Amino acid sequence: MNVENAVVPTPDQIKEMSEEGHDRPIYMVNLLKFKEKAEYEDGRETKMTGQQAYSLYGVEVVAHLAKVGGKPVIGGKVTGLRLGQVEELWDTVAIAMYPNRKAMLAMIMDPEYQKSAVHRAAGLAGQLNIEMVLPER
């Protein structure tokens, strides 16, 4: 299995977010890997770590999630791997709920969200986003 962290979705992944499909809540599992030192695309100087820059994003994203009907569910520091093998562990796992895929797409396309996302990009070396739906009852 090849695992490739990314910071920006591919065009195909963005297309998938906008496709018609179920209109059920989705849970986005975020496996986060931080840069040692934050690097802003605009070249601003900073003494922050990647995790500190991402934390600025994390505080701001709560309001962005609420704006589209979503919410943070849980997050925490990765402390070890108990089954399987990977070359390198992620630093943090966070789960967010969105009412549906289109809500997530609406959030990431919002110019106000994009202002907050500069901290995300500055702090992340890469991540995996895994979409999950709960079983229908």
N, C-alpha and C. Protein backbone atom coordinates (compact mmCIF):
# COMPACT_ATOMS: atom_id res chain seq x y z
N MET A 1 0.84 -1.17 0.00
CA MET A 1 0.00 0.00 0.00
C MET A 1 0.89 1.24 0.00
N ASN A 2 0.66 2.11 -0.95
CA ASN A 2 1.38 3.37 -1.02
C ASN A 2 0.58 4.43 -0.28
N VAL A 3 1.22 5.15 0.64
CA VAL A 3 0.56 6.22 1.39
C VAL A 3 1.24 7.52 1.01
N GLU A 4 0.45 8.48 0.56
CA GLU A 4 1.02 9.76 0.13
C GLU A 4 0.26 10.90 0.79
N ASN A 5 0.93 11.60 1.70
CA ASN A 5 0.35 12.79 2.34
C ASN A 5 0.21 13.89 1.31
N ALA A 6 -0.79 14.75 1.47
CA ALA A 6 -0.98 15.90 0.60
C ALA A 6 -1.54 17.04 1.43
N VAL A 7 -1.48 18.24 0.88
CA VAL A 7 -2.06 19.41 1.54
C VAL A 7 -3.24 19.94 0.73
N VAL A 8 -3.21 19.74 -0.58
CA VAL A 8 -4.26 20.23 -1.48
C VAL A 8 -4.87 19.05 -2.22
N PRO A 9 -6.22 18.99 -2.30
CA PRO A 9 -6.83 17.89 -3.03
C PRO A 9 -6.55 17.96 -4.53
N THR A 10 -6.53 16.82 -5.17
CA THR A 10 -6.35 16.77 -6.62
C THR A 10 -7.65 17.24 -7.29
N PRO A 11 -7.59 17.61 -8.57
CA PRO A 11 -8.83 17.98 -9.28
C PRO A 11 -9.88 16.87 -9.23
N ASP A 12 -9.46 15.60 -9.34
CA ASP A 12 -10.42 14.49 -9.26
C ASP A 12 -11.07 14.41 -7.88
N GLN A 13 -10.30 14.67 -6.84
CA GLN A 13 -10.86 14.64 -5.49
C GLN A 13 -11.85 15.78 -5.28
N ILE A 14 -11.56 16.95 -5.83
CA ILE A 14 -12.50 18.07 -5.73
C ILE A 14 -13.78 17.74 -6.50
N LYS A 15 -13.63 17.11 -7.66
CA LYS A 15 -14.79 16.72 -8.46
C LYS A 15 -15.67 15.75 -7.67
N GLU A 16 -15.06 14.80 -6.98
CA GLU A 16 -15.82 13.84 -6.18
C GLU A 16 -16.63 14.54 -5.09
N MET A 17 -16.06 15.59 -4.49
CA MET A 17 -16.77 16.32 -3.45
C MET A 17 -18.03 16.99 -3.98
N SER A 18 -18.02 17.36 -5.26
CA SER A 18 -19.15 18.09 -5.84
C SER A 18 -20.17 17.19 -6.52
N GLU A 19 -19.88 15.90 -6.62
CA GLU A 19 -20.79 14.98 -7.30
C GLU A 19 -22.04 14.72 -6.46
N GLU A 20 -23.14 14.51 -7.18
CA GLU A 20 -24.38 14.12 -6.50
C GLU A 20 -24.15 12.76 -5.85
N GLY A 21 -24.80 12.54 -4.78
CA GLY A 21 -24.67 11.27 -4.08
C GLY A 21 -25.59 11.31 -2.88
N HIS A 22 -25.25 10.57 -1.88
CA HIS A 22 -26.08 10.57 -0.69
C HIS A 22 -26.08 11.97 -0.07
N ASP A 23 -27.16 12.27 0.61
CA ASP A 23 -27.24 13.57 1.28
C ASP A 23 -27.24 13.31 2.79
N ARG A 24 -26.24 12.54 3.20
CA ARG A 24 -26.10 12.18 4.61
C ARG A 24 -24.88 12.86 5.18
N PRO A 25 -24.84 12.98 6.50
CA PRO A 25 -23.63 13.53 7.11
C PRO A 25 -22.41 12.69 6.79
N ILE A 26 -21.29 13.38 6.61
CA ILE A 26 -20.01 12.69 6.43
C ILE A 26 -19.10 13.09 7.59
N TYR A 27 -18.23 12.21 7.92
CA TYR A 27 -17.22 12.44 8.95
C TYR A 27 -15.88 12.38 8.26
N MET A 28 -15.11 13.43 8.38
CA MET A 28 -13.82 13.49 7.73
C MET A 28 -12.74 13.20 8.78
N VAL A 29 -12.07 12.08 8.59
CA VAL A 29 -10.97 11.69 9.46
C VAL A 29 -9.71 12.32 8.87
N ASN A 30 -9.06 13.18 9.63
CA ASN A 30 -7.87 13.90 9.19
C ASN A 30 -6.65 13.34 9.90
N LEU A 31 -5.72 12.76 9.16
CA LEU A 31 -4.45 12.32 9.71
C LEU A 31 -3.44 13.39 9.34
N LEU A 32 -2.92 14.09 10.35
CA LEU A 32 -2.13 15.29 10.14
C LEU A 32 -0.65 15.09 10.45
N LYS A 33 0.20 15.56 9.56
CA LYS A 33 1.65 15.55 9.76
C LYS A 33 2.13 17.00 9.67
N PHE A 34 2.77 17.49 10.72
CA PHE A 34 3.18 18.89 10.77
C PHE A 34 4.61 19.10 10.30
N LYS A 35 4.84 20.27 9.74
CA LYS A 35 6.22 20.70 9.43
C LYS A 35 6.92 21.01 10.75
N GLU A 36 8.21 20.87 10.75
CA GLU A 36 8.97 21.22 11.94
C GLU A 36 8.82 22.72 12.23
N LYS A 37 8.96 23.53 11.18
CA LYS A 37 8.82 24.99 11.30
C LYS A 37 7.77 25.44 10.28
N ALA A 38 6.87 26.32 10.73
CA ALA A 38 5.83 26.83 9.83
C ALA A 38 6.46 27.59 8.67
N GLU A 39 5.88 27.41 7.49
CA GLU A 39 6.34 28.09 6.27
C GLU A 39 5.14 28.68 5.56
N TYR A 40 5.04 30.01 5.59
CA TYR A 40 3.92 30.69 4.93
C TYR A 40 4.26 30.95 3.48
N GLU A 41 3.26 30.74 2.61
CA GLU A 41 3.46 30.91 1.17
C GLU A 41 3.80 32.35 0.80
N ASP A 42 3.34 33.31 1.62
CA ASP A 42 3.63 34.72 1.32
C ASP A 42 5.02 35.15 1.80
N GLY A 43 5.78 34.20 2.36
CA GLY A 43 7.15 34.47 2.76
C GLY A 43 7.31 35.16 4.10
N ARG A 44 6.21 35.35 4.84
CA ARG A 44 6.31 36.04 6.14
C ARG A 44 7.24 35.27 7.08
N GLU A 45 7.95 36.00 7.87
CA GLU A 45 8.83 35.40 8.87
C GLU A 45 8.01 34.95 10.07
N THR A 46 8.36 33.81 10.61
CA THR A 46 7.67 33.31 11.80
C THR A 46 8.62 32.41 12.58
N LYS A 47 8.40 32.39 13.87
CA LYS A 47 9.15 31.48 14.73
C LYS A 47 8.27 30.31 15.17
N MET A 48 7.05 30.24 14.61
CA MET A 48 6.12 29.18 14.99
C MET A 48 6.53 27.83 14.41
N THR A 49 6.17 26.79 15.13
CA THR A 49 6.29 25.44 14.58
C THR A 49 5.11 25.22 13.64
N GLY A 50 5.17 24.16 12.88
CA GLY A 50 4.04 23.80 12.03
C GLY A 50 2.79 23.54 12.86
N GLN A 51 2.96 22.88 13.98
CA GLN A 51 1.81 22.58 14.84
C GLN A 51 1.19 23.86 15.39
N GLN A 52 2.00 24.84 15.74
CA GLN A 52 1.46 26.11 16.24
C GLN A 52 0.68 26.85 15.15
N ALA A 53 1.20 26.86 13.93
CA ALA A 53 0.48 27.50 12.82
C ALA A 53 -0.83 26.77 12.57
N TYR A 54 -0.80 25.45 12.56
CA TYR A 54 -2.01 24.68 12.34
C TYR A 54 -3.02 24.93 13.46
N SER A 55 -2.54 25.13 14.67
CA SER A 55 -3.44 25.41 15.79
C SER A 55 -4.23 26.70 15.58
N LEU A 56 -3.60 27.71 14.95
CA LEU A 56 -4.34 28.94 14.61
C LEU A 56 -5.50 28.60 13.68
N TYR A 57 -5.22 27.78 12.68
CA TYR A 57 -6.26 27.31 11.76
C TYR A 57 -7.34 26.54 12.52
N GLY A 58 -6.90 25.66 13.41
CA GLY A 58 -7.84 24.82 14.16
C GLY A 58 -8.85 25.63 14.96
N VAL A 59 -8.41 26.71 15.55
CA VAL A 59 -9.32 27.59 16.30
C VAL A 59 -10.32 28.24 15.35
N GLU A 60 -9.83 28.74 14.22
CA GLU A 60 -10.69 29.46 13.27
C GLU A 60 -11.64 28.53 12.51
N VAL A 61 -11.25 27.30 12.26
CA VAL A 61 -12.06 26.40 11.45
C VAL A 61 -13.36 26.01 12.15
N VAL A 62 -13.41 26.12 13.46
CA VAL A 62 -14.64 25.79 14.19
C VAL A 62 -15.80 26.66 13.70
N ALA A 63 -15.56 27.96 13.52
CA ALA A 63 -16.61 28.86 13.02
C ALA A 63 -16.96 28.55 11.56
N HIS A 64 -15.96 28.19 10.78
CA HIS A 64 -16.21 27.85 9.37
C HIS A 64 -17.07 26.59 9.27
N LEU A 65 -16.79 25.62 10.11
CA LEU A 65 -17.60 24.40 10.14
C LEU A 65 -19.05 24.73 10.51
N ALA A 66 -19.22 25.54 11.54
CA ALA A 66 -20.57 25.91 11.99
C ALA A 66 -21.35 26.62 10.89
N LYS A 67 -20.65 27.44 10.13
CA LYS A 67 -21.29 28.21 9.04
C LYS A 67 -21.96 27.29 8.01
N VAL A 68 -21.42 26.09 7.80
CA VAL A 68 -22.00 25.15 6.83
C VAL A 68 -22.76 24.01 7.51
N GLY A 69 -22.98 24.13 8.82
CA GLY A 69 -23.73 23.11 9.54
C GLY A 69 -22.89 21.96 10.05
N GLY A 70 -21.57 22.11 10.06
CA GLY A 70 -20.67 21.07 10.54
C GLY A 70 -20.17 21.35 11.94
N LYS A 71 -19.32 20.47 12.43
CA LYS A 71 -18.74 20.66 13.75
C LYS A 71 -17.53 19.75 13.93
N PRO A 72 -16.60 20.18 14.80
CA PRO A 72 -15.51 19.26 15.15
C PRO A 72 -16.08 18.16 16.04
N VAL A 73 -15.57 16.95 15.89
CA VAL A 73 -16.06 15.83 16.69
C VAL A 73 -15.04 15.47 17.77
N ILE A 74 -13.81 15.22 17.35
CA ILE A 74 -12.77 14.85 18.31
C ILE A 74 -11.41 15.03 17.65
N GLY A 75 -10.39 15.23 18.45
CA GLY A 75 -9.03 15.32 17.94
C GLY A 75 -8.05 15.00 19.05
N GLY A 76 -6.88 14.56 18.66
CA GLY A 76 -5.87 14.27 19.67
C GLY A 76 -4.54 13.89 19.05
N LYS A 77 -3.54 13.90 19.90
CA LYS A 77 -2.17 13.58 19.50
C LYS A 77 -2.02 12.07 19.29
N VAL A 78 -1.34 11.68 18.23
CA VAL A 78 -1.03 10.27 17.99
C VAL A 78 0.09 9.87 18.94
N THR A 79 -0.12 8.78 19.69
CA THR A 79 0.88 8.36 20.67
C THR A 79 1.55 7.03 20.33
N GLY A 80 1.11 6.38 19.27
CA GLY A 80 1.77 5.14 18.89
C GLY A 80 0.95 4.35 17.89
N LEU A 81 1.56 3.36 17.32
CA LEU A 81 0.93 2.46 16.36
C LEU A 81 0.86 1.08 17.02
N ARG A 82 -0.33 0.53 17.11
CA ARG A 82 -0.51 -0.75 17.80
C ARG A 82 -0.76 -1.92 16.87
N LEU A 83 -1.03 -1.63 15.58
CA LEU A 83 -1.26 -2.70 14.62
C LEU A 83 -0.89 -2.19 13.24
N GLY A 84 -0.19 -2.98 12.47
CA GLY A 84 0.21 -2.58 11.13
C GLY A 84 1.56 -1.90 11.13
N GLN A 85 1.93 -1.39 9.96
CA GLN A 85 3.22 -0.74 9.81
C GLN A 85 3.11 0.43 8.85
N VAL A 86 3.73 1.51 9.20
CA VAL A 86 3.91 2.65 8.31
C VAL A 86 5.31 3.18 8.56
N GLU A 87 5.87 3.85 7.57
CA GLU A 87 7.22 4.38 7.73
C GLU A 87 7.28 5.45 8.80
N GLU A 88 6.24 6.28 8.85
CA GLU A 88 6.23 7.39 9.79
C GLU A 88 4.79 7.65 10.22
N LEU A 89 4.59 7.87 11.50
CA LEU A 89 3.25 8.13 12.02
C LEU A 89 2.84 9.58 11.78
N TRP A 90 1.54 9.81 11.74
CA TRP A 90 1.02 11.17 11.72
C TRP A 90 1.13 11.73 13.13
N ASP A 91 1.04 13.03 13.25
CA ASP A 91 1.17 13.68 14.56
C ASP A 91 -0.15 13.76 15.31
N THR A 92 -1.22 14.01 14.57
CA THR A 92 -2.53 14.25 15.17
C THR A 92 -3.61 13.62 14.31
N VAL A 93 -4.69 13.20 14.95
CA VAL A 93 -5.89 12.76 14.25
C VAL A 93 -7.02 13.67 14.69
N ALA A 94 -7.80 14.16 13.73
CA ALA A 94 -8.96 15.00 14.04
C ALA A 94 -10.11 14.53 13.16
N ILE A 95 -11.31 14.55 13.74
CA ILE A 95 -12.51 14.17 12.99
C ILE A 95 -13.48 15.34 13.02
N ALA A 96 -13.98 15.70 11.83
CA ALA A 96 -14.99 16.75 11.70
C ALA A 96 -16.21 16.18 11.00
N MET A 97 -17.40 16.70 11.36
CA MET A 97 -18.65 16.28 10.73
C MET A 97 -19.16 17.41 9.84
N TYR A 98 -19.59 17.01 8.64
CA TYR A 98 -20.23 17.92 7.69
C TYR A 98 -21.61 17.35 7.38
N PRO A 99 -22.62 18.19 7.13
CA PRO A 99 -23.94 17.66 6.81
C PRO A 99 -23.95 16.81 5.54
N ASN A 100 -23.02 17.09 4.61
CA ASN A 100 -22.88 16.34 3.36
C ASN A 100 -21.60 16.82 2.66
N ARG A 101 -21.27 16.18 1.55
CA ARG A 101 -20.06 16.55 0.82
C ARG A 101 -20.10 17.99 0.33
N LYS A 102 -21.28 18.40 -0.15
CA LYS A 102 -21.38 19.75 -0.71
C LYS A 102 -21.12 20.82 0.34
N ALA A 103 -21.47 20.54 1.59
CA ALA A 103 -21.19 21.49 2.67
C ALA A 103 -19.68 21.64 2.85
N MET A 104 -18.97 20.53 2.76
CA MET A 104 -17.51 20.60 2.88
C MET A 104 -16.92 21.41 1.73
N LEU A 105 -17.40 21.16 0.52
CA LEU A 105 -16.91 21.90 -0.63
C LEU A 105 -17.24 23.39 -0.49
N ALA A 106 -18.45 23.71 -0.03
CA ALA A 106 -18.83 25.11 0.17
C ALA A 106 -17.89 25.78 1.17
N MET A 107 -17.53 25.06 2.23
CA MET A 107 -16.63 25.64 3.22
C MET A 107 -15.26 25.94 2.63
N ILE A 108 -14.68 24.97 1.92
CA ILE A 108 -13.31 25.19 1.43
C ILE A 108 -13.25 26.21 0.30
N MET A 109 -14.40 26.48 -0.34
CA MET A 109 -14.43 27.49 -1.41
C MET A 109 -14.72 28.90 -0.88
N ASP A 110 -15.14 29.01 0.37
CA ASP A 110 -15.47 30.30 0.98
C ASP A 110 -14.20 31.15 1.15
N PRO A 111 -14.20 32.38 0.65
CA PRO A 111 -13.01 33.24 0.78
C PRO A 111 -12.57 33.46 2.24
N GLU A 112 -13.52 33.51 3.15
CA GLU A 112 -13.15 33.68 4.57
C GLU A 112 -12.43 32.44 5.09
N TYR A 113 -12.87 31.26 4.68
CA TYR A 113 -12.18 30.04 5.05
C TYR A 113 -10.77 30.04 4.48
N GLN A 114 -10.65 30.45 3.24
CA GLN A 114 -9.34 30.44 2.58
C GLN A 114 -8.34 31.35 3.28
N LYS A 115 -8.81 32.42 3.92
CA LYS A 115 -7.92 33.27 4.72
C LYS A 115 -7.37 32.48 5.91
N SER A 116 -8.22 31.69 6.54
CA SER A 116 -7.78 30.87 7.67
C SER A 116 -6.87 29.74 7.21
N ALA A 117 -7.13 29.23 6.02
CA ALA A 117 -6.40 28.06 5.52
C ALA A 117 -4.92 28.34 5.26
N VAL A 118 -4.51 29.61 5.24
CA VAL A 118 -3.08 29.90 5.07
C VAL A 118 -2.28 29.32 6.24
N HIS A 119 -2.89 29.29 7.43
CA HIS A 119 -2.21 28.72 8.60
C HIS A 119 -2.13 27.20 8.47
N ARG A 120 -3.16 26.60 7.89
CA ARG A 120 -3.18 25.16 7.64
C ARG A 120 -2.04 24.79 6.71
N ALA A 121 -1.94 25.51 5.59
CA ALA A 121 -0.89 25.22 4.61
C ALA A 121 0.50 25.49 5.19
N ALA A 122 0.61 26.51 6.02
CA ALA A 122 1.91 26.84 6.62
C ALA A 122 2.37 25.76 7.59
N GLY A 123 1.42 25.11 8.24
CA GLY A 123 1.77 24.16 9.28
C GLY A 123 1.87 22.71 8.86
N LEU A 124 1.17 22.35 7.79
CA LEU A 124 1.11 20.94 7.41
C LEU A 124 2.21 20.52 6.44
N ALA A 125 2.87 19.43 6.78
CA ALA A 125 3.75 18.76 5.83
C ALA A 125 2.89 17.92 4.89
N GLY A 126 1.75 17.47 5.39
CA GLY A 126 0.81 16.70 4.59
C GLY A 126 -0.25 16.08 5.47
N GLN A 127 -1.26 15.52 4.83
CA GLN A 127 -2.31 14.86 5.56
C GLN A 127 -3.05 13.88 4.67
N LEU A 128 -3.80 13.02 5.31
CA LEU A 128 -4.76 12.17 4.63
C LEU A 128 -6.13 12.57 5.15
N ASN A 129 -7.10 12.70 4.27
CA ASN A 129 -8.49 12.92 4.66
C ASN A 129 -9.27 11.69 4.22
N ILE A 130 -9.90 11.04 5.17
CA ILE A 130 -10.65 9.82 4.90
C ILE A 130 -12.12 10.10 5.20
N GLU A 131 -12.96 9.99 4.16
CA GLU A 131 -14.40 10.23 4.35
C GLU A 131 -15.05 8.98 4.91
N MET A 132 -15.95 9.20 5.87
CA MET A 132 -16.64 8.09 6.50
C MET A 132 -18.11 8.46 6.67
N VAL A 133 -19.01 7.51 6.47
CA VAL A 133 -20.43 7.72 6.77
C VAL A 133 -20.83 6.67 7.80
N LEU A 134 -21.77 7.03 8.64
CA LEU A 134 -22.27 6.10 9.62
C LEU A 134 -23.27 5.16 8.96
N PRO A 135 -23.39 3.93 9.43
CA PRO A 135 -24.35 3.00 8.85
C PRO A 135 -25.77 3.54 8.97
N GLU A 136 -26.59 3.29 7.96
CA GLU A 136 -27.99 3.68 8.03
C GLU A 136 -28.69 2.77 9.03
N ARG A 137 -29.62 3.35 9.75
CA ARG A 137 -30.34 2.55 10.77
C ARG A 137 -31.71 2.23 10.31
